[in-house]
Amino acid sequence: MSNATAPAPNRPDTDDPLVYAVTLAPHRSLSPTGFRVVMGAMALVSFGAGTLFLTLGAWPVFGFFGLDVLLLYLAFRASYAGARAREHITITTTLIEVRHAPARGPTRTERLNPFWTRLFRRDDEDFGTQEVALVSGARHIAVGSFLGPEEKGRLAEELGAAIGVVRRGHSRG
């Protein structure tokens, strides 16, 4: 989770003080160098095994060894393409804005009133936080769905604290 939390300065596009801001991105544990190493090793093993079958006279098997490398490559490409997705959550004293930027497709922005919004969190005793959402009336906006349970729990705590800051600040004024 890439966290860009701000203490509450004014944003340049509005006079509304920023209470909380975060950009969420899916995590990929394999670096580009690691990807090249894995693909190279897989290609080498497949080529070696295919060559062995080719020398034994089972030439049709050689092509299947290349097919598994191609399928693995396509699976990694799909995974890396999904890693371009982002969620931007901004909380000010008057607005909660959730901007979903999927890896493919149009960006969708949801705006909620922080005084009518509550945090929904579903925890499992064995597996940790399974779901985090912002709920306002009939609207249920899931956030951080691609995060792991520990990161979802941390996100829920931060969002709850930020919404609490907005509500307490308003009640004093």
N, C-alpha and C. Protein backbone atom coordinates (compact mmCIF):
# COMPACT_ATOMS: atom_id res chain seq x y z
N MET A 1 0.85 -1.16 0.00
CA MET A 1 0.00 0.00 0.00
C MET A 1 0.90 1.22 0.00
N SER A 2 0.73 2.02 -1.02
CA SER A 2 1.49 3.26 -1.10
C SER A 2 0.71 4.32 -0.36
N ASN A 3 1.23 4.79 0.73
CA ASN A 3 0.48 5.70 1.58
C ASN A 3 1.04 7.11 1.48
N ALA A 4 0.17 8.04 1.09
CA ALA A 4 0.56 9.44 0.98
C ALA A 4 -0.32 10.27 1.92
N THR A 5 -0.34 9.92 3.17
CA THR A 5 -1.18 10.60 4.13
C THR A 5 -0.63 11.99 4.42
N ALA A 6 -1.51 12.96 4.43
CA ALA A 6 -1.11 14.34 4.70
C ALA A 6 -1.72 14.80 6.01
N PRO A 7 -1.04 15.65 6.77
CA PRO A 7 -1.54 16.07 8.08
C PRO A 7 -2.75 16.98 8.02
N ALA A 8 -3.01 17.68 6.94
CA ALA A 8 -4.19 18.50 6.72
C ALA A 8 -3.85 19.86 6.15
N PRO A 9 -2.98 19.93 5.18
CA PRO A 9 -2.75 21.21 4.52
C PRO A 9 -3.88 21.52 3.56
N ASN A 10 -3.95 22.75 3.08
CA ASN A 10 -4.95 23.08 2.07
C ASN A 10 -4.50 22.57 0.72
N ARG A 11 -5.44 22.04 -0.04
CA ARG A 11 -5.14 21.60 -1.39
C ARG A 11 -5.20 22.81 -2.30
N PRO A 12 -4.37 22.85 -3.35
CA PRO A 12 -4.34 24.03 -4.21
C PRO A 12 -5.63 24.25 -5.00
N ASP A 13 -6.40 23.16 -5.29
CA ASP A 13 -7.59 23.31 -6.11
C ASP A 13 -8.84 23.69 -5.30
N THR A 14 -8.73 23.74 -3.98
CA THR A 14 -9.87 24.06 -3.14
C THR A 14 -9.40 24.61 -1.80
N ASP A 15 -10.30 25.27 -1.11
CA ASP A 15 -9.97 25.78 0.23
C ASP A 15 -10.26 24.74 1.30
N ASP A 16 -10.79 23.61 0.91
CA ASP A 16 -11.16 22.55 1.84
C ASP A 16 -9.91 21.83 2.34
N PRO A 17 -9.65 21.82 3.66
CA PRO A 17 -8.43 21.18 4.19
C PRO A 17 -8.42 19.67 3.94
N LEU A 18 -7.27 19.17 3.55
CA LEU A 18 -7.08 17.75 3.32
C LEU A 18 -6.84 17.06 4.66
N VAL A 19 -7.64 16.05 4.95
CA VAL A 19 -7.50 15.29 6.19
C VAL A 19 -6.70 14.01 5.95
N TYR A 20 -6.94 13.37 4.81
CA TYR A 20 -6.31 12.08 4.53
C TYR A 20 -6.26 11.88 3.02
N ALA A 21 -5.16 11.34 2.53
CA ALA A 21 -5.05 10.98 1.12
C ALA A 21 -4.15 9.76 1.00
N VAL A 22 -4.56 8.82 0.18
CA VAL A 22 -3.76 7.62 -0.03
C VAL A 22 -3.96 7.15 -1.46
N THR A 23 -2.92 6.58 -2.03
CA THR A 23 -2.99 5.93 -3.33
C THR A 23 -2.68 4.46 -3.11
N LEU A 24 -3.60 3.60 -3.50
CA LEU A 24 -3.43 2.16 -3.33
C LEU A 24 -3.08 1.53 -4.67
N ALA A 25 -2.15 0.60 -4.64
CA ALA A 25 -1.72 -0.10 -5.85
C ALA A 25 -1.49 -1.57 -5.52
N PRO A 26 -1.84 -2.46 -6.45
CA PRO A 26 -1.57 -3.89 -6.20
C PRO A 26 -0.06 -4.14 -6.10
N HIS A 27 0.29 -5.07 -5.26
CA HIS A 27 1.70 -5.41 -5.06
C HIS A 27 2.09 -6.57 -5.96
N ARG A 28 3.22 -6.47 -6.59
CA ARG A 28 3.79 -7.58 -7.36
C ARG A 28 5.17 -7.86 -6.79
N SER A 29 5.36 -9.06 -6.29
CA SER A 29 6.61 -9.39 -5.59
C SER A 29 7.76 -9.72 -6.55
N LEU A 30 7.46 -10.02 -7.79
CA LEU A 30 8.51 -10.38 -8.73
C LEU A 30 8.92 -9.15 -9.54
N SER A 31 10.16 -8.77 -9.41
CA SER A 31 10.69 -7.61 -10.13
C SER A 31 10.87 -7.97 -11.61
N PRO A 32 11.07 -6.96 -12.47
CA PRO A 32 11.34 -7.26 -13.89
C PRO A 32 12.56 -8.16 -14.08
N THR A 33 13.60 -7.96 -13.28
CA THR A 33 14.78 -8.83 -13.37
C THR A 33 14.42 -10.25 -12.96
N GLY A 34 13.65 -10.39 -11.89
CA GLY A 34 13.19 -11.71 -11.46
C GLY A 34 12.35 -12.40 -12.51
N PHE A 35 11.51 -11.61 -13.18
CA PHE A 35 10.69 -12.15 -14.27
C PHE A 35 11.57 -12.71 -15.38
N ARG A 36 12.59 -11.97 -15.77
CA ARG A 36 13.49 -12.44 -16.83
C ARG A 36 14.23 -13.71 -16.40
N VAL A 37 14.64 -13.77 -15.14
CA VAL A 37 15.34 -14.96 -14.64
C VAL A 37 14.41 -16.17 -14.66
N VAL A 38 13.18 -16.00 -14.16
CA VAL A 38 12.22 -17.11 -14.13
C VAL A 38 11.91 -17.57 -15.55
N MET A 39 11.65 -16.62 -16.45
CA MET A 39 11.32 -17.00 -17.83
C MET A 39 12.51 -17.66 -18.52
N GLY A 40 13.71 -17.15 -18.27
CA GLY A 40 14.90 -17.76 -18.86
C GLY A 40 15.12 -19.18 -18.36
N ALA A 41 14.97 -19.38 -17.06
CA ALA A 41 15.13 -20.71 -16.48
C ALA A 41 14.07 -21.67 -17.01
N MET A 42 12.83 -21.17 -17.09
CA MET A 42 11.74 -22.01 -17.60
C MET A 42 11.99 -22.38 -19.06
N ALA A 43 12.44 -21.42 -19.85
CA ALA A 43 12.72 -21.69 -21.26
C ALA A 43 13.86 -22.69 -21.41
N LEU A 44 14.90 -22.53 -20.59
CA LEU A 44 16.05 -23.44 -20.65
C LEU A 44 15.65 -24.87 -20.29
N VAL A 45 14.89 -25.02 -19.21
CA VAL A 45 14.45 -26.36 -18.78
C VAL A 45 13.53 -26.97 -19.84
N SER A 46 12.59 -26.19 -20.35
CA SER A 46 11.66 -26.71 -21.36
C SER A 46 12.39 -27.08 -22.64
N PHE A 47 13.33 -26.25 -23.06
CA PHE A 47 14.08 -26.55 -24.27
C PHE A 47 14.92 -27.81 -24.08
N GLY A 48 15.55 -27.94 -22.90
CA GLY A 48 16.34 -29.14 -22.62
C GLY A 48 15.50 -30.40 -22.62
N ALA A 49 14.36 -30.34 -21.94
CA ALA A 49 13.48 -31.51 -21.89
C ALA A 49 12.91 -31.80 -23.28
N GLY A 50 12.54 -30.75 -24.02
CA GLY A 50 12.03 -30.96 -25.37
C GLY A 50 13.06 -31.58 -26.28
N THR A 51 14.32 -31.14 -26.15
CA THR A 51 15.41 -31.69 -26.96
C THR A 51 15.61 -33.17 -26.64
N LEU A 52 15.50 -33.52 -25.37
CA LEU A 52 15.62 -34.92 -24.97
C LEU A 52 14.55 -35.76 -25.66
N PHE A 53 13.30 -35.30 -25.63
CA PHE A 53 12.23 -36.05 -26.29
C PHE A 53 12.42 -36.09 -27.81
N LEU A 54 12.97 -35.00 -28.36
CA LEU A 54 13.23 -34.95 -29.80
C LEU A 54 14.27 -36.00 -30.19
N THR A 55 15.32 -36.16 -29.39
CA THR A 55 16.35 -37.17 -29.69
C THR A 55 15.83 -38.59 -29.50
N LEU A 56 14.83 -38.74 -28.66
CA LEU A 56 14.24 -40.07 -28.45
C LEU A 56 13.20 -40.40 -29.53
N GLY A 57 12.94 -39.45 -30.42
CA GLY A 57 12.00 -39.70 -31.51
C GLY A 57 10.58 -39.22 -31.23
N ALA A 58 10.33 -38.66 -30.10
CA ALA A 58 8.99 -38.16 -29.78
C ALA A 58 8.92 -36.68 -30.13
N TRP A 59 9.05 -36.39 -31.43
CA TRP A 59 9.14 -34.99 -31.87
C TRP A 59 7.89 -34.16 -31.58
N PRO A 60 6.66 -34.70 -31.55
CA PRO A 60 5.50 -33.83 -31.25
C PRO A 60 5.55 -33.24 -29.84
N VAL A 61 6.22 -33.90 -28.93
CA VAL A 61 6.30 -33.43 -27.54
C VAL A 61 7.12 -32.15 -27.45
N PHE A 62 8.08 -31.98 -28.37
CA PHE A 62 8.94 -30.80 -28.36
C PHE A 62 8.11 -29.50 -28.39
N GLY A 63 7.08 -29.46 -29.21
CA GLY A 63 6.22 -28.27 -29.32
C GLY A 63 5.46 -27.97 -28.04
N PHE A 64 5.06 -29.00 -27.33
CA PHE A 64 4.32 -28.79 -26.09
C PHE A 64 5.19 -28.15 -25.01
N PHE A 65 6.47 -28.44 -25.04
CA PHE A 65 7.37 -27.80 -24.07
C PHE A 65 7.49 -26.31 -24.33
N GLY A 66 7.39 -25.89 -25.57
CA GLY A 66 7.40 -24.46 -25.88
C GLY A 66 6.08 -23.80 -25.50
N LEU A 67 4.99 -24.58 -25.58
CA LEU A 67 3.67 -24.05 -25.26
C LEU A 67 3.57 -23.66 -23.78
N ASP A 68 4.15 -24.46 -22.90
CA ASP A 68 4.06 -24.13 -21.47
C ASP A 68 4.81 -22.83 -21.15
N VAL A 69 5.93 -22.58 -21.84
CA VAL A 69 6.67 -21.33 -21.64
C VAL A 69 5.83 -20.15 -22.12
N LEU A 70 5.17 -20.31 -23.27
CA LEU A 70 4.32 -19.26 -23.80
C LEU A 70 3.16 -18.96 -22.85
N LEU A 71 2.52 -19.99 -22.33
CA LEU A 71 1.40 -19.78 -21.40
C LEU A 71 1.85 -19.10 -20.11
N LEU A 72 3.02 -19.48 -19.60
CA LEU A 72 3.55 -18.82 -18.40
C LEU A 72 3.84 -17.35 -18.68
N TYR A 73 4.41 -17.07 -19.85
CA TYR A 73 4.69 -15.69 -20.24
C TYR A 73 3.40 -14.87 -20.31
N LEU A 74 2.37 -15.42 -20.92
CA LEU A 74 1.08 -14.71 -21.02
C LEU A 74 0.45 -14.49 -19.65
N ALA A 75 0.59 -15.45 -18.75
CA ALA A 75 0.05 -15.28 -17.40
C ALA A 75 0.77 -14.16 -16.65
N PHE A 76 2.08 -14.10 -16.79
CA PHE A 76 2.84 -13.02 -16.15
C PHE A 76 2.46 -11.66 -16.74
N ARG A 77 2.30 -11.61 -18.06
CA ARG A 77 1.90 -10.34 -18.70
C ARG A 77 0.55 -9.87 -18.18
N ALA A 78 -0.40 -10.78 -18.04
CA ALA A 78 -1.71 -10.42 -17.52
C ALA A 78 -1.60 -9.92 -16.07
N SER A 79 -0.76 -10.57 -15.29
CA SER A 79 -0.56 -10.14 -13.91
C SER A 79 0.05 -8.75 -13.83
N TYR A 80 1.08 -8.50 -14.64
CA TYR A 80 1.71 -7.19 -14.63
C TYR A 80 0.78 -6.11 -15.17
N ALA A 81 -0.08 -6.45 -16.12
CA ALA A 81 -1.05 -5.48 -16.63
C ALA A 81 -2.03 -5.09 -15.52
N GLY A 82 -2.45 -6.05 -14.72
CA GLY A 82 -3.35 -5.77 -13.60
C GLY A 82 -2.72 -4.91 -12.53
N ALA A 83 -1.40 -4.90 -12.47
CA ALA A 83 -0.69 -4.10 -11.46
C ALA A 83 -0.75 -2.61 -11.74
N ARG A 84 -1.23 -2.22 -12.93
CA ARG A 84 -1.35 -0.79 -13.23
C ARG A 84 -2.59 -0.16 -12.59
N ALA A 85 -3.45 -0.96 -11.99
CA ALA A 85 -4.66 -0.43 -11.34
C ALA A 85 -4.27 0.44 -10.14
N ARG A 86 -5.07 1.44 -9.88
CA ARG A 86 -4.84 2.34 -8.74
C ARG A 86 -6.18 2.74 -8.13
N GLU A 87 -6.15 3.01 -6.84
CA GLU A 87 -7.28 3.62 -6.14
C GLU A 87 -6.74 4.82 -5.39
N HIS A 88 -7.38 5.94 -5.57
CA HIS A 88 -6.99 7.18 -4.88
C HIS A 88 -8.14 7.55 -3.95
N ILE A 89 -7.85 7.63 -2.67
CA ILE A 89 -8.86 7.99 -1.68
C ILE A 89 -8.43 9.29 -1.04
N THR A 90 -9.33 10.27 -1.06
CA THR A 90 -9.07 11.58 -0.48
C THR A 90 -10.21 11.93 0.46
N ILE A 91 -9.85 12.37 1.65
CA ILE A 91 -10.87 12.81 2.61
C ILE A 91 -10.55 14.24 3.00
N THR A 92 -11.51 15.12 2.79
CA THR A 92 -11.40 16.50 3.24
C THR A 92 -12.47 16.72 4.30
N THR A 93 -12.59 17.93 4.78
CA THR A 93 -13.59 18.19 5.82
C THR A 93 -15.02 18.15 5.30
N THR A 94 -15.20 18.14 3.97
CA THR A 94 -16.56 18.13 3.42
C THR A 94 -16.80 17.03 2.39
N LEU A 95 -15.78 16.25 2.06
CA LEU A 95 -15.93 15.31 0.95
C LEU A 95 -15.01 14.10 1.10
N ILE A 96 -15.57 12.93 0.78
CA ILE A 96 -14.76 11.72 0.61
C ILE A 96 -14.82 11.40 -0.88
N GLU A 97 -13.64 11.30 -1.49
CA GLU A 97 -13.59 11.00 -2.92
C GLU A 97 -12.78 9.74 -3.13
N VAL A 98 -13.37 8.78 -3.82
CA VAL A 98 -12.70 7.53 -4.15
C VAL A 98 -12.64 7.46 -5.67
N ARG A 99 -11.42 7.43 -6.20
CA ARG A 99 -11.23 7.36 -7.64
C ARG A 99 -10.61 6.01 -7.97
N HIS A 100 -11.38 5.19 -8.68
CA HIS A 100 -10.91 3.87 -9.11
C HIS A 100 -10.35 4.01 -10.52
N ALA A 101 -9.08 3.71 -10.69
CA ALA A 101 -8.43 3.73 -12.01
C ALA A 101 -8.01 2.30 -12.32
N PRO A 102 -8.88 1.53 -12.99
CA PRO A 102 -8.53 0.14 -13.28
C PRO A 102 -7.40 0.07 -14.30
N ALA A 103 -6.80 -1.10 -14.41
CA ALA A 103 -5.71 -1.30 -15.37
C ALA A 103 -6.21 -1.07 -16.79
N ARG A 104 -7.43 -1.45 -17.05
CA ARG A 104 -8.06 -1.24 -18.36
C ARG A 104 -9.46 -0.70 -18.12
N GLY A 105 -9.85 0.24 -18.92
CA GLY A 105 -11.19 0.79 -18.80
C GLY A 105 -11.16 2.19 -18.21
N PRO A 106 -12.32 2.80 -18.15
CA PRO A 106 -12.40 4.19 -17.69
C PRO A 106 -12.26 4.33 -16.17
N THR A 107 -11.75 5.47 -15.77
CA THR A 107 -11.64 5.80 -14.35
C THR A 107 -13.03 6.17 -13.82
N ARG A 108 -13.35 5.71 -12.64
CA ARG A 108 -14.65 5.98 -12.01
C ARG A 108 -14.41 6.71 -10.70
N THR A 109 -15.14 7.79 -10.48
CA THR A 109 -14.98 8.57 -9.26
C THR A 109 -16.29 8.55 -8.46
N GLU A 110 -16.16 8.25 -7.18
CA GLU A 110 -17.31 8.25 -6.27
C GLU A 110 -17.09 9.35 -5.24
N ARG A 111 -18.12 10.11 -4.95
CA ARG A 111 -18.03 11.18 -3.96
C ARG A 111 -19.08 10.96 -2.89
N LEU A 112 -18.65 11.09 -1.64
CA LEU A 112 -19.53 10.86 -0.50
C LEU A 112 -19.39 11.99 0.51
N ASN A 113 -20.44 12.22 1.26
CA ASN A 113 -20.41 13.18 2.36
C ASN A 113 -19.85 12.45 3.58
N PRO A 114 -18.78 12.95 4.19
CA PRO A 114 -18.17 12.22 5.31
C PRO A 114 -19.07 12.11 6.54
N PHE A 115 -20.05 12.98 6.67
CA PHE A 115 -20.94 12.93 7.82
C PHE A 115 -22.03 11.88 7.67
N TRP A 116 -22.25 11.41 6.45
CA TRP A 116 -23.26 10.38 6.19
C TRP A 116 -22.61 9.06 5.79
N THR A 117 -21.32 8.99 5.91
CA THR A 117 -20.58 7.80 5.48
C THR A 117 -20.05 7.05 6.69
N ARG A 118 -20.21 5.74 6.66
CA ARG A 118 -19.63 4.92 7.72
C ARG A 118 -18.68 3.90 7.08
N LEU A 119 -17.77 3.44 7.89
CA LEU A 119 -16.79 2.46 7.43
C LEU A 119 -17.33 1.06 7.70
N PHE A 120 -17.32 0.22 6.69
CA PHE A 120 -17.69 -1.17 6.85
C PHE A 120 -16.42 -2.00 6.77
N ARG A 121 -16.28 -2.90 7.72
CA ARG A 121 -15.09 -3.75 7.78
C ARG A 121 -15.53 -5.16 8.15
N ARG A 122 -15.15 -6.14 7.33
CA ARG A 122 -15.48 -7.53 7.63
C ARG A 122 -14.17 -8.25 7.94
N ASP A 123 -14.08 -8.74 9.18
CA ASP A 123 -12.89 -9.45 9.63
C ASP A 123 -13.21 -10.92 9.84
N ASP A 124 -12.24 -11.76 9.56
CA ASP A 124 -12.34 -13.18 9.81
C ASP A 124 -11.34 -13.51 10.90
N GLU A 125 -11.76 -14.30 11.86
CA GLU A 125 -10.90 -14.64 13.00
C GLU A 125 -9.59 -15.29 12.56
N ASP A 126 -9.65 -16.12 11.53
CA ASP A 126 -8.46 -16.84 11.08
C ASP A 126 -7.68 -16.12 9.99
N PHE A 127 -8.37 -15.34 9.17
CA PHE A 127 -7.73 -14.78 7.98
C PHE A 127 -7.59 -13.26 7.98
N GLY A 128 -7.99 -12.59 9.02
CA GLY A 128 -7.82 -11.14 9.10
C GLY A 128 -8.91 -10.38 8.37
N THR A 129 -8.63 -9.16 8.01
CA THR A 129 -9.61 -8.29 7.36
C THR A 129 -9.84 -8.75 5.93
N GLN A 130 -11.09 -9.06 5.61
CA GLN A 130 -11.44 -9.58 4.30
C GLN A 130 -12.05 -8.53 3.39
N GLU A 131 -12.67 -7.50 3.98
CA GLU A 131 -13.33 -6.49 3.16
C GLU A 131 -13.35 -5.16 3.88
N VAL A 132 -13.14 -4.09 3.12
CA VAL A 132 -13.24 -2.72 3.63
C VAL A 132 -14.08 -1.96 2.62
N ALA A 133 -15.06 -1.21 3.12
CA ALA A 133 -15.93 -0.45 2.22
C ALA A 133 -16.39 0.82 2.92
N LEU A 134 -16.74 1.79 2.10
CA LEU A 134 -17.36 3.02 2.59
C LEU A 134 -18.84 2.91 2.23
N VAL A 135 -19.71 3.11 3.22
CA VAL A 135 -21.15 2.93 3.02
C VAL A 135 -21.85 4.24 3.32
N SER A 136 -22.68 4.66 2.38
CA SER A 136 -23.49 5.86 2.55
C SER A 136 -24.85 5.57 1.94
N GLY A 137 -25.86 5.43 2.79
CA GLY A 137 -27.18 5.05 2.30
C GLY A 137 -27.11 3.67 1.67
N ALA A 138 -27.58 3.58 0.44
CA ALA A 138 -27.56 2.30 -0.28
C ALA A 138 -26.24 2.07 -1.02
N ARG A 139 -25.37 3.05 -1.02
CA ARG A 139 -24.10 2.93 -1.74
C ARG A 139 -23.07 2.20 -0.88
N HIS A 140 -22.46 1.21 -1.45
CA HIS A 140 -21.44 0.38 -0.79
C HIS A 140 -20.23 0.39 -1.72
N ILE A 141 -19.19 1.15 -1.37
CA ILE A 141 -18.03 1.31 -2.23
C ILE A 141 -16.86 0.55 -1.62
N ALA A 142 -16.53 -0.58 -2.23
CA ALA A 142 -15.40 -1.38 -1.75
C ALA A 142 -14.10 -0.66 -2.08
N VAL A 143 -13.17 -0.67 -1.15
CA VAL A 143 -11.85 -0.06 -1.36
C VAL A 143 -10.77 -1.07 -0.99
N GLY A 144 -9.65 -1.01 -1.70
CA GLY A 144 -8.50 -1.86 -1.39
C GLY A 144 -8.75 -3.34 -1.58
N SER A 145 -9.60 -3.71 -2.53
CA SER A 145 -9.93 -5.13 -2.71
C SER A 145 -8.72 -5.97 -3.10
N PHE A 146 -7.71 -5.36 -3.69
CA PHE A 146 -6.52 -6.11 -4.11
C PHE A 146 -5.45 -6.18 -3.03
N LEU A 147 -5.71 -5.59 -1.87
CA LEU A 147 -4.74 -5.62 -0.78
C LEU A 147 -4.84 -6.92 0.00
N GLY A 148 -3.79 -7.25 0.72
CA GLY A 148 -3.82 -8.41 1.61
C GLY A 148 -4.55 -8.08 2.90
N PRO A 149 -4.89 -9.08 3.70
CA PRO A 149 -5.66 -8.85 4.93
C PRO A 149 -5.02 -7.86 5.89
N GLU A 150 -3.71 -7.92 6.07
CA GLU A 150 -3.04 -7.01 7.00
C GLU A 150 -3.12 -5.56 6.49
N GLU A 151 -2.90 -5.38 5.19
CA GLU A 151 -2.97 -4.04 4.61
C GLU A 151 -4.40 -3.50 4.63
N LYS A 152 -5.38 -4.38 4.41
CA LYS A 152 -6.78 -3.96 4.49
C LYS A 152 -7.11 -3.50 5.90
N GLY A 153 -6.60 -4.21 6.90
CA GLY A 153 -6.84 -3.82 8.28
C GLY A 153 -6.24 -2.46 8.59
N ARG A 154 -5.04 -2.23 8.11
CA ARG A 154 -4.39 -0.93 8.32
C ARG A 154 -5.16 0.19 7.60
N LEU A 155 -5.61 -0.09 6.39
CA LEU A 155 -6.41 0.88 5.64
C LEU A 155 -7.71 1.21 6.38
N ALA A 156 -8.37 0.19 6.90
CA ALA A 156 -9.62 0.42 7.64
C ALA A 156 -9.38 1.30 8.86
N GLU A 157 -8.29 1.05 9.58
CA GLU A 157 -7.98 1.88 10.75
C GLU A 157 -7.72 3.33 10.35
N GLU A 158 -6.95 3.53 9.27
CA GLU A 158 -6.65 4.89 8.82
C GLU A 158 -7.90 5.62 8.34
N LEU A 159 -8.75 4.92 7.57
CA LEU A 159 -9.98 5.56 7.09
C LEU A 159 -10.91 5.90 8.25
N GLY A 160 -11.03 4.97 9.20
CA GLY A 160 -11.87 5.23 10.37
C GLY A 160 -11.38 6.42 11.17
N ALA A 161 -10.07 6.52 11.34
CA ALA A 161 -9.49 7.64 12.07
C ALA A 161 -9.73 8.96 11.32
N ALA A 162 -9.57 8.95 10.01
CA ALA A 162 -9.77 10.17 9.22
C ALA A 162 -11.23 10.63 9.26
N ILE A 163 -12.15 9.70 9.14
CA ILE A 163 -13.57 10.06 9.22
C ILE A 163 -13.89 10.60 10.61
N GLY A 164 -13.29 9.99 11.64
CA GLY A 164 -13.47 10.48 13.01
C GLY A 164 -12.94 11.91 13.19
N VAL A 165 -11.80 12.22 12.58
CA VAL A 165 -11.24 13.56 12.66
C VAL A 165 -12.20 14.58 12.03
N VAL A 166 -12.77 14.22 10.88
CA VAL A 166 -13.71 15.12 10.21
C VAL A 166 -14.92 15.37 11.10
N ARG A 167 -15.47 14.31 11.65
CA ARG A 167 -16.69 14.44 12.48
C ARG A 167 -16.42 15.23 13.77
N ARG A 168 -15.30 14.97 14.40
CA ARG A 168 -14.98 15.71 15.64
C ARG A 168 -14.70 17.17 15.34
N GLY A 169 -14.03 17.45 14.24
CA GLY A 169 -13.75 18.83 13.86
C GLY A 169 -15.01 19.60 13.58
N HIS A 170 -15.99 18.94 13.00
CA HIS A 170 -17.23 19.61 12.68
C HIS A 170 -18.06 19.89 13.94
N SER A 171 -18.04 18.94 14.88
CA SER A 171 -18.85 19.12 16.09
C SER A 171 -18.33 20.25 16.96
N ARG A 172 -17.02 20.55 16.89
CA ARG A 172 -16.46 21.62 17.71
C ARG A 172 -16.76 23.00 17.09
N GLY A 173 -16.90 23.06 15.76
CA GLY A 173 -17.08 24.33 15.09
C GLY A 173 -18.49 24.77 15.16
